[in-house]
PDB file of N, CA and C in Angstrom:
ATOM      1  N   UNK A   1       1.060  -1.086  -0.233  1.00  0.00           N
ATOM      2  CA  UNK A   1       0.055  -0.100  -0.240  1.00  0.00           C
ATOM      3  C   UNK A   1       0.825   1.207  -0.219  1.00  0.00           C
ATOM      4  N   UNK A   2       0.634   2.260  -1.043  1.00  0.00           N
ATOM      5  CA  UNK A   2       1.238   3.460  -1.079  1.00  0.00           C
ATOM      6  C   UNK A   2       0.547   4.396   0.105  1.00  0.00           C
ATOM      7  N   UNK A   3       1.563   5.195   0.661  1.00  0.00           N
ATOM      8  CA  UNK A   3       1.318   6.186   1.421  1.00  0.00           C
ATOM      9  C   UNK A   3       1.878   7.675   0.859  1.00  0.00           C
ATOM     10  N   UNK A   4       0.905   8.977   1.401  1.00  0.00           N
ATOM     11  CA  UNK A   4       1.518   9.938   0.792  1.00  0.00           C
ATOM     12  C   UNK A   4       0.587  11.142   1.941  1.00  0.00           C
ATOM     13  N   UNK A   5       1.698  11.677   2.591  1.00  0.00           N
ATOM     14  CA  UNK A   5       1.592  12.915   3.519  1.00  0.00           C
ATOM     15  C   UNK A   5       1.113  13.825   3.463  1.00  0.00           C
ATOM     16  N   UNK A   6      -0.224  13.899   4.153  1.00  0.00           N
ATOM     17  CA  UNK A   6      -1.220  14.828   4.315  1.00  0.00           C
ATOM     18  C   UNK A   6      -1.246  15.670   5.237  1.00  0.00           C
ATOM     19  N   UNK A   7      -0.602  17.248   5.201  1.00  0.00           N
ATOM     20  CA  UNK A   7      -1.008  18.076   6.198  1.00  0.00           C
ATOM     21  C   UNK A   7      -2.177  18.852   5.892  1.00  0.00           C
ATOM     22  N   UNK A   8      -2.940  19.196   7.416  1.00  0.00           N
ATOM     23  CA  UNK A   8      -4.125  20.223   7.122  1.00  0.00           C
ATOM     24  C   UNK A   8      -4.167  20.847   8.694  1.00  0.00           C
ATOM     25  N   UNK A   9      -5.109  21.674   8.969  1.00  0.00           N
ATOM     26  CA  UNK A   9      -5.090  22.444   9.314  1.00  0.00           C
ATOM     27  C   UNK A   9      -6.233  21.691  10.448  1.00  0.00           C
ATOM     28  N   UNK A  10      -6.257  21.762  11.797  1.00  0.00           N
ATOM     29  CA  UNK A  10      -7.321  21.624  12.909  1.00  0.00           C
ATOM     30  C   UNK A  10      -7.460  22.364  13.700  1.00  0.00           C
ATOM     31  N   UNK A  11      -9.080  22.835  13.949  1.00  0.00           N
ATOM     32  CA  UNK A  11      -9.003  23.310  15.406  1.00  0.00           C
ATOM     33  C   UNK A  11      -8.352  23.225  16.431  1.00  0.00           C
ATOM     34  N   UNK A  12      -7.938  23.977  17.209  1.00  0.00           N
ATOM     35  CA  UNK A  12      -7.211  23.407  19.043  1.00  0.00           C
ATOM     36  C   UNK A  12      -8.160  22.551  20.027  1.00  0.00           C
ATOM     37  N   UNK A  13      -9.368  22.582  19.376  1.00  0.00           N
ATOM     38  CA  UNK A  13     -10.022  22.051  20.449  1.00  0.00           C
ATOM     39  C   UNK A  13     -10.018  21.110  19.897  1.00  0.00           C
ATOM     40  N   UNK A  14     -10.241  20.413  18.947  1.00  0.00           N
ATOM     41  CA  UNK A  14     -10.030  18.796  18.186  1.00  0.00           C
ATOM     42  C   UNK A  14      -9.104  18.476  18.662  1.00  0.00           C
ATOM     43  N   UNK A  15      -7.928  19.224  18.476  1.00  0.00           N
ATOM     44  CA  UNK A  15      -6.730  17.938  18.391  1.00  0.00           C
ATOM     45  C   UNK A  15      -6.471  17.889  19.797  1.00  0.00           C
ATOM     46  N   UNK A  16      -6.901  18.514  20.615  1.00  0.00           N
ATOM     47  CA  UNK A  16      -6.789  18.314  21.983  1.00  0.00           C
ATOM     48  C   UNK A  16      -7.541  17.052  22.315  1.00  0.00           C
ATOM     49  N   UNK A  17      -8.600  17.170  21.753  1.00  0.00           N
ATOM     50  CA  UNK A  17      -9.796  15.999  21.992  1.00  0.00           C
ATOM     51  C   UNK A  17      -9.299  14.699  21.479  1.00  0.00           C
ATOM     52  N   UNK A  18      -8.625  14.809  20.166  1.00  0.00           N
ATOM     53  CA  UNK A  18      -7.736  14.017  19.013  1.00  0.00           C
ATOM     54  C   UNK A  18      -6.501  13.404  20.176  1.00  0.00           C
ATOM     55  N   UNK A  19      -6.146  13.839  20.726  1.00  0.00           N
ATOM     56  CA  UNK A  19      -4.706  13.633  21.462  1.00  0.00           C
ATOM     57  C   UNK A  19      -5.533  12.827  23.016  1.00  0.00           C
ATOM     58  N   UNK A  20      -6.453  13.628  23.611  1.00  0.00           N
ATOM     59  CA  UNK A  20      -6.679  12.639  24.563  1.00  0.00           C
ATOM     60  C   UNK A  20      -7.185  11.328  24.803  1.00  0.00           C
ATOM     61  N   UNK A  21      -8.254  11.071  23.539  1.00  0.00           N
ATOM     62  CA  UNK A  21      -8.968   9.843  23.138  1.00  0.00           C
ATOM     63  C   UNK A  21      -7.996   8.914  22.308  1.00  0.00           C
ATOM     64  N   UNK A  22      -6.540   9.460  21.878  1.00  0.00           N
ATOM     65  CA  UNK A  22      -5.289   8.259  20.789  1.00  0.00           C
ATOM     66  C   UNK A  22      -4.442   7.937  22.443  1.00  0.00           C
ATOM     67  N   UNK A  23      -4.531   9.243  23.504  1.00  0.00           N
ATOM     68  CA  UNK A  23      -3.796   8.835  24.611  1.00  0.00           C
ATOM     69  C   UNK A  23      -4.280   7.414  25.497  1.00  0.00           C
ATOM     70  N   UNK A  24      -5.763   7.858  25.495  1.00  0.00           N
ATOM     71  CA  UNK A  24      -6.580   6.775  26.477  1.00  0.00           C
ATOM     72  C   UNK A  24      -6.645   5.300  25.223  1.00  0.00           C
ATOM     73  N   UNK A  25      -7.183   5.150  23.951  1.00  0.00           N
ATOM     74  CA  UNK A  25      -7.271   3.550  23.734  1.00  0.00           C
ATOM     75  C   UNK A  25      -5.843   3.357  23.309  1.00  0.00           C
ATOM     76  N   UNK A  26      -4.591   3.964  23.483  1.00  0.00           N
ATOM     77  CA  UNK A  26      -3.176   3.630  23.093  1.00  0.00           C
ATOM     78  C   UNK A  26      -3.241   3.267  21.622  1.00  0.00           C
ATOM     79  N   UNK A  27      -3.669   4.083  20.611  1.00  0.00           N
ATOM     80  CA  UNK A  27      -3.550   4.140  19.587  1.00  0.00           C
ATOM     81  C   UNK A  27      -3.156   5.371  18.570  1.00  0.00           C
ATOM     82  N   UNK A  28      -2.443   5.711  17.453  1.00  0.00           N
ATOM     83  CA  UNK A  28      -2.411   6.832  17.132  1.00  0.00           C
ATOM     84  C   UNK A  28      -3.528   7.703  16.295  1.00  0.00           C
ATOM     85  N   UNK A  29      -2.905   8.900  16.416  1.00  0.00           N
ATOM     86  CA  UNK A  29      -3.670  10.056  15.815  1.00  0.00           C
ATOM     87  C   UNK A  29      -3.842   9.760  14.372  1.00  0.00           C
ATOM     88  N   UNK A  30      -3.516   9.096  14.109  1.00  0.00           N
ATOM     89  CA  UNK A  30      -2.869   8.894  12.224  1.00  0.00           C
ATOM     90  C   UNK A  30      -3.920   7.606  11.674  1.00  0.00           C
ATOM     91  N   UNK A  31      -4.108   6.643  12.965  1.00  0.00           N
ATOM     92  CA  UNK A  31      -5.309   5.812  12.653  1.00  0.00           C
ATOM     93  C   UNK A  31      -6.312   6.093  13.286  1.00  0.00           C
ATOM     94  N   UNK A  32      -6.710   7.286  13.987  1.00  0.00           N
ATOM     95  CA  UNK A  32      -8.365   7.363  13.929  1.00  0.00           C
ATOM     96  C   UNK A  32      -8.556   8.200  12.675  1.00  0.00           C
ATOM     97  N   UNK A  33      -7.899   9.218  12.073  1.00  0.00           N
ATOM     98  CA  UNK A  33      -8.150   9.736  11.466  1.00  0.00           C
ATOM     99  C   UNK A  33      -8.570   9.690   9.932  1.00  0.00           C
ATOM    100  N   UNK A  34      -6.963   8.269   9.823  1.00  0.00           N
ATOM    101  CA  UNK A  34      -7.715   7.093   8.362  1.00  0.00           C
ATOM    102  C   UNK A  34      -8.512   6.253   8.772  1.00  0.00           C
ATOM    103  N   UNK A  35      -8.904   6.062   9.873  1.00  0.00           N
ATOM    104  CA  UNK A  35     -10.251   5.177   9.986  1.00  0.00           C
ATOM    105  C   UNK A  35     -11.575   5.997   9.625  1.00  0.00           C
ATOM    106  N   UNK A  36     -11.550   7.176  10.255  1.00  0.00           N
ATOM    107  CA  UNK A  36     -12.501   8.150   9.975  1.00  0.00           C
ATOM    108  C   UNK A  36     -12.637   8.451   8.482  1.00  0.00           C
ATOM    109  N   UNK A  37     -11.546   8.834   7.716  1.00  0.00           N
ATOM    110  CA  UNK A  37     -11.749   9.193   6.688  1.00  0.00           C
ATOM    111  C   UNK A  37     -12.355   7.832   5.589  1.00  0.00           C
ATOM    112  N   UNK A  38     -11.762   6.523   6.403  1.00  0.00           N
ATOM    113  CA  UNK A  38     -12.033   5.234   5.278  1.00  0.00           C
ATOM    114  C   UNK A  38     -13.781   5.399   5.186  1.00  0.00           C
ATOM    115  N   UNK A  39     -14.125   5.330   6.564  1.00  0.00           N
ATOM    116  CA  UNK A  39     -15.455   5.283   7.135  1.00  0.00           C
ATOM    117  C   UNK A  39     -16.193   6.295   5.946  1.00  0.00           C
ATOM    118  N   UNK A  40     -16.026   7.706   5.927  1.00  0.00           N
ATOM    119  CA  UNK A  40     -16.414   8.982   5.240  1.00  0.00           C
ATOM    120  C   UNK A  40     -16.542   8.734   3.908  1.00  0.00           C
ATOM    121  N   UNK A  41     -15.740   7.877   3.322  1.00  0.00           N
ATOM    122  CA  UNK A  41     -15.463   7.797   1.851  1.00  0.00           C
ATOM    123  C   UNK A  41     -16.581   6.469   1.481  1.00  0.00           C
ATOM    124  N   UNK A  42     -16.446   5.754   2.410  1.00  0.00           N
ATOM    125  CA  UNK A  42     -17.303   4.346   1.708  1.00  0.00           C
ATOM    126  C   UNK A  42     -18.725   5.007   1.926  1.00  0.00           C
ATOM    127  N   UNK A  43     -19.296   5.495   2.917  1.00  0.00           N
ATOM    128  CA  UNK A  43     -20.561   5.878   3.087  1.00  0.00           C
ATOM    129  C   UNK A  43     -20.559   7.103   1.885  1.00  0.00           C
ATOM    130  N   UNK A  44     -19.621   7.985   1.765  1.00  0.00           N
ATOM    131  CA  UNK A  44     -20.139   9.129   0.340  1.00  0.00           C
ATOM    132  C   UNK A  44     -20.205   8.225  -0.932  1.00  0.00           C
ATOM    133  N   UNK A  45     -19.380   7.041  -1.287  1.00  0.00           N
ATOM    134  CA  UNK A  45     -19.480   6.522  -2.290  1.00  0.00           C
ATOM    135  C   UNK A  45     -20.728   5.960  -2.665  1.00  0.00           C
ATOM    136  N   UNK A  46     -21.305   5.046  -1.542  1.00  0.00           N
ATOM    137  CA  UNK A  46     -22.477   4.287  -1.257  1.00  0.00           C
ATOM    138  C   UNK A  46     -23.132   5.649  -1.815  1.00  0.00           C
ATOM    139  N   UNK A  47     -23.295   6.923  -1.317  1.00  0.00           N
ATOM    140  CA  UNK A  47     -24.366   7.481  -1.111  1.00  0.00           C
ATOM    141  C   UNK A  47     -24.672   7.928  -2.873  1.00  0.00           C
ATOM    142  N   UNK A  48     -23.219   7.954  -3.614  1.00  0.00           N
ATOM    143  CA  UNK A  48     -23.162   8.841  -4.682  1.00  0.00           C
ATOM    144  C   UNK A  48     -24.013   7.506  -5.841  1.00  0.00           C
ATOM    145  N   UNK A  49     -23.722   6.248  -5.421  1.00  0.00           N
ATOM    146  CA  UNK A  49     -24.002   5.242  -6.577  1.00  0.00           C
ATOM    147  C   UNK A  49     -25.761   4.941  -5.758  1.00  0.00           C
ATOM    148  N   UNK A  50     -26.187   5.229  -4.685  1.00  0.00           N
ATOM    149  CA  UNK A  50     -27.569   5.502  -4.399  1.00  0.00           C
ATOM    150  C   UNK A  50     -28.330   6.576  -5.307  1.00  0.00           C
ATOM    151  N   UNK A  51     -27.499   7.576  -5.252  1.00  0.00           N
ATOM    152  CA  UNK A  51     -28.067   9.070  -6.449  1.00  0.00           C
ATOM    153  C   UNK A  51     -28.245   8.365  -7.619  1.00  0.00           C
ATOM    154  N   UNK A  52     -27.414   7.722  -7.898  1.00  0.00           N
ATOM    155  CA  UNK A  52     -27.229   7.458  -9.201  1.00  0.00           C
ATOM    156  C   UNK A  52     -28.505   6.529 -10.065  1.00  0.00           C
ATOM    157  N   UNK A  53     -28.632   5.108  -8.999  1.00  0.00           N
ATOM    158  CA  UNK A  53     -29.574   4.668  -9.160  1.00  0.00           C
ATOM    159  C   UNK A  53     -31.323   5.202  -8.852  1.00  0.00           C
ATOM    160  N   UNK A  54     -31.197   6.627  -8.461  1.00  0.00           N
ATOM    161  CA  UNK A  54     -32.363   7.328  -8.115  1.00  0.00           C
ATOM    162  C   UNK A  54     -32.856   7.717  -9.329  1.00  0.00           C
ATOM    163  N   UNK A  55     -31.399   8.866  -9.862  1.00  0.00           N
ATOM    164  CA  UNK A  55     -31.918   9.534 -11.218  1.00  0.00           C
ATOM    165  C   UNK A  55     -31.696   8.318 -12.275  1.00  0.00           C
ATOM    166  N   UNK A  56     -31.140   7.144 -12.463  1.00  0.00           N
ATOM    167  CA  UNK A  56     -31.371   6.448 -13.097  1.00  0.00           C
ATOM    168  C   UNK A  56     -33.191   6.283 -13.236  1.00  0.00           C
ATOM    169  N   UNK A  57     -33.727   5.952 -12.563  1.00  0.00           N
ATOM    170  CA  UNK A  57     -35.601   6.002 -12.044  1.00  0.00           C
ATOM    171  C   UNK A  57     -35.934   6.834 -12.780  1.00  0.00           C
ATOM    172  N   UNK A  58     -35.502   7.888 -12.088  1.00  0.00           N
ATOM    173  CA  UNK A  58     -36.170   9.271 -12.350  1.00  0.00           C
ATOM    174  C   UNK A  58     -36.119   9.845 -13.680  1.00  0.00           C
ATOM    175  N   UNK A  59     -34.770   9.550 -14.518  1.00  0.00           N
ATOM    176  CA  UNK A  59     -34.620  10.264 -15.709  1.00  0.00           C
ATOM    177  C   UNK A  59     -35.983   9.836 -17.055  1.00  0.00           C
ATOM    178  N   UNK A  60     -36.353   9.100 -16.968  1.00  0.00           N
ATOM    179  CA  UNK A  60     -37.411   8.085 -18.108  1.00  0.00           C
ATOM    180  C   UNK A  60     -38.387   8.966 -17.721  1.00  0.00           C
ATOM    181  N   UNK A  61     -38.646   9.191 -16.652  1.00  0.00           N
ATOM    182  CA  UNK A  61     -40.260  10.027 -16.022  1.00  0.00           C
ATOM    183  C   UNK A  61     -39.883  10.920 -16.396  1.00  0.00           C
ATOM    184  N   UNK A  62     -38.920  12.379 -16.151  1.00  0.00           N
ATOM    185  CA  UNK A  62     -38.773  13.660 -16.522  1.00  0.00           C
ATOM    186  C   UNK A  62     -38.282  13.722 -18.123  1.00  0.00           C
ATOM    187  N   UNK A  63     -38.052  13.212 -18.529  1.00  0.00           N
ATOM    188  CA  UNK A  63     -37.837  13.061 -19.831  1.00  0.00           C
ATOM    189  C   UNK A  63     -39.011  14.109 -20.676  1.00  0.00           C
ATOM    190  N   UNK A  64     -38.829  14.661 -21.771  1.00  0.00           N
ATOM    191  CA  UNK A  64     -39.876  15.704 -21.863  1.00  0.00           C
ATOM    192  C   UNK A  64     -40.567  14.542 -23.136  1.00  0.00           C
ATOM    193  N   UNK A  65     -41.581  14.409 -22.978  1.00  0.00           N
ATOM    194  CA  UNK A  65     -42.899  13.634 -23.847  1.00  0.00           C
ATOM    195  C   UNK A  65     -43.211  14.721 -25.475  1.00  0.00           C
ATOM    196  N   UNK A  66     -42.247  13.594 -26.210  1.00  0.00           N
ATOM    197  CA  UNK A  66     -42.821  14.514 -27.676  1.00  0.00           C
ATOM    198  C   UNK A  66     -44.401  14.319 -28.210  1.00  0.00           C
ATOM    199  N   UNK A  67     -44.351  15.716 -28.647  1.00  0.00           N
ATOM    200  CA  UNK A  67     -45.736  15.689 -28.951  1.00  0.00           C
ATOM    201  C   UNK A  67     -46.309  15.022 -30.329  1.00  0.00           C
ATOM    202  N   UNK A  68     -47.476  14.381 -30.104  1.00  0.00           N
ATOM    203  CA  UNK A  68     -48.085  13.594 -31.378  1.00  0.00           C
ATOM    204  C   UNK A  68     -48.323  14.560 -31.926  1.00  0.00           C
ATOM    205  N   UNK A  69     -48.508  14.470 -33.386  1.00  0.00           N
ATOM    206  CA  UNK A  69     -48.781  15.310 -34.243  1.00  0.00           C
ATOM    207  C   UNK A  69     -50.224  14.996 -34.857  1.00  0.00           C
ATOM    208  N   UNK A  70     -51.006  15.747 -33.808  1.00  0.00           N
ATOM    209  CA  UNK A  70     -52.353  15.311 -33.919  1.00  0.00           C
ATOM    210  C   UNK A  70     -53.286  16.639 -34.272  1.00  0.00           C
ATOM    211  N   UNK A  71     -53.508  16.773 -35.346  1.00  0.00           N
ATOM    212  CA  UNK A  71     -54.712  17.749 -35.988  1.00  0.00           C
ATOM    213  C   UNK A  71     -55.725  18.148 -35.168  1.00  0.00           C
ATOM    214  N   UNK A  72     -55.302  19.419 -34.768  1.00  0.00           N
ATOM    215  CA  UNK A  72     -56.140  20.385 -33.924  1.00  0.00           C
ATOM    216  C   UNK A  72     -57.590  20.642 -34.469  1.00  0.00           C
ATOM    217  N   UNK A  73     -58.979  20.552 -34.083  1.00  0.00           N
ATOM    218  CA  UNK A  73     -59.852  20.738 -34.927  1.00  0.00           C
ATOM    219  C   UNK A  73     -60.735  21.958 -34.060  1.00  0.00           C
ATOM    220  N   UNK A  74     -60.873  22.919 -34.175  1.00  0.00           N
ATOM    221  CA  UNK A  74     -61.753  23.590 -33.840  1.00  0.00           C
ATOM    222  C   UNK A  74     -63.241  23.710 -34.112  1.00  0.00           C
ATOM    223  N   UNK A  75     -64.369  23.739 -32.715  1.00  0.00           N
ATOM    224  CA  UNK A  75     -65.364  24.852 -33.406  1.00  0.00           C
ATOM    225  C   UNK A  75     -65.627  26.024 -33.656  1.00  0.00           C
ATOM    226  N   UNK A  76     -66.459  26.503 -34.668  1.00  0.00           N
ATOM    227  CA  UNK A  76     -66.730  27.658 -34.679  1.00  0.00           C
ATOM    228  C   UNK A  76     -67.111  28.372 -33.627  1.00  0.00           C
ATOM    229  N   UNK A  77     -67.178  29.578 -32.856  1.00  0.00           N
ATOM    230  CA  UNK A  77     -66.653  30.262 -32.130  1.00  0.00           C
ATOM    231  C   UNK A  77     -68.619  30.602 -32.217  1.00  0.00           C
ATOM    232  N   UNK A  78     -69.049  30.504 -31.350  1.00  0.00           N
ATOM    233  CA  UNK A  78     -70.620  30.888 -30.693  1.00  0.00           C
ATOM    234  C   UNK A  78     -70.987  32.560 -31.460  1.00  0.00           C
ATOM    235  N   UNK A  79     -71.894  32.763 -32.037  1.00  0.00           N
ATOM    236  CA  UNK A  79     -72.492  34.099 -32.253  1.00  0.00           C
ATOM    237  C   UNK A  79     -72.690  34.436 -30.740  1.00  0.00           C
ATOM    238  N   UNK A  80     -72.124  35.749 -30.203  1.00  0.00           N
ATOM    239  CA  UNK A  80     -72.987  36.473 -29.655  1.00  0.00           C
ATOM    240  C   UNK A  80     -74.195  37.784 -30.162  1.00  0.00           C
ATOM    241  N   UNK A  81     -75.575  37.363 -29.706  1.00  0.00           N
ATOM    242  CA  UNK A  81     -76.196  38.399 -30.761  1.00  0.00           C
ATOM    243  C   UNK A  81     -76.584  39.761 -29.180  1.00  0.00           C
ATOM    244  N   UNK A  82     -76.378  40.762 -29.868  1.00  0.00           N
ATOM    245  CA  UNK A  82     -76.777  41.905 -28.787  1.00  0.00           C
ATOM    246  C   UNK A  82     -77.834  42.359 -29.071  1.00  0.00           C
ATOM    247  N   UNK A  83     -78.965  42.566 -27.981  1.00  0.00           N
ATOM    248  CA  UNK A  83     -80.122  43.542 -28.878  1.00  0.00           C
ATOM    249  C   UNK A  83     -79.759  44.946 -28.716  1.00  0.00           C
ATOM    250  N   UNK A  84     -79.831  45.765 -29.469  1.00  0.00           N
ATOM    251  CA  UNK A  84     -79.742  46.855 -30.058  1.00  0.00           C
ATOM    252  C   UNK A  84     -80.538  48.164 -28.492  1.00  0.00           C
ATOM    253  N   UNK A  85     -81.658  47.694 -28.832  1.00  0.00           N
ATOM    254  CA  UNK A  85     -82.577  48.323 -27.882  1.00  0.00           C
ATOM    255  C   UNK A  85     -82.805  48.060 -26.519  1.00  0.00           C
ATOM    256  N   UNK A  86     -81.533  47.179 -26.396  1.00  0.00           N
ATOM    257  CA  UNK A  86     -81.448  47.178 -24.331  1.00  0.00           C
ATOM    258  C   UNK A  86     -81.021  48.535 -24.050  1.00  0.00           C
ATOM    259  N   UNK A  87     -81.445  49.281 -23.096  1.00  0.00           N
ATOM    260  CA  UNK A  87     -80.876  50.400 -22.182  1.00  0.00           C
ATOM    261  C   UNK A  87     -80.160  49.678 -21.221  1.00  0.00           C
ATOM    262  N   UNK A  88     -78.751  49.938 -20.757  1.00  0.00           N
ATOM    263  CA  UNK A  88     -78.336  49.431 -19.412  1.00  0.00           C
ATOM    264  C   UNK A  88     -78.749  50.504 -18.008  1.00  0.00           C
ATOM    265  N   UNK A  89     -78.809  51.344 -18.407  1.00  0.00           N
ATOM    266  CA  UNK A  89     -79.267  52.408 -17.196  1.00  0.00           C
ATOM    267  C   UNK A  89     -80.512  51.723 -16.808  1.00  0.00           C
ATOM    268  N   UNK A  90     -81.211  51.387 -17.224  1.00  0.00           N
ATOM    269  CA  UNK A  90     -82.594  50.579 -17.122  1.00  0.00           C
ATOM    270  C   UNK A  90     -82.312  49.022 -16.184  1.00  0.00           C
ATOM    271  N   UNK A  91     -81.259  48.609 -16.145  1.00  0.00           N
ATOM    272  CA  UNK A  91     -81.064  47.465 -15.807  1.00  0.00           C
ATOM    273  C   UNK A  91     -80.686  47.283 -14.422  1.00  0.00           C
ATOM    274  N   UNK A  92     -79.684  48.716 -13.988  1.00  0.00           N
ATOM    275  CA  UNK A  92     -79.333  48.771 -12.920  1.00  0.00           C
ATOM    276  C   UNK A  92     -80.361  49.894 -11.807  1.00  0.00           C
ATOM    277  N   UNK A  93     -81.304  50.395 -12.541  1.00  0.00           N
ATOM    278  CA  UNK A  93     -82.235  50.981 -11.860  1.00  0.00           C
ATOM    279  C   UNK A  93     -83.005  49.959 -10.533  1.00  0.00           C
ATOM    280  N   UNK A  94     -83.497  50.287  -9.952  1.00  0.00           N
ATOM    281  CA  UNK A  94     -83.314  49.488  -8.958  1.00  0.00           C
ATOM    282  C   UNK A  94     -85.349  49.984  -8.219  1.00  0.00           C
TER     283      UNK A  94
END
């Protein structure tokens, strides 16, 4: 297995807590960090695979439906007849 040195900043309170846990359990900080990173990567890769599966299920549903070439037939509009002798003022009188 190949190894590569990684340096990163960590808040001092986390480093202090990590040191206490490592000393109490008699394991190295590197071992703890590697284990946590391994668990995180496995979980995230699993989540990504699940997302792909969900996307594969959803994609066929969300694809735009091609419109069928249906000839649209409309009926002629209804003629509206107006009574020219109708008095609007009389209609609203009480």
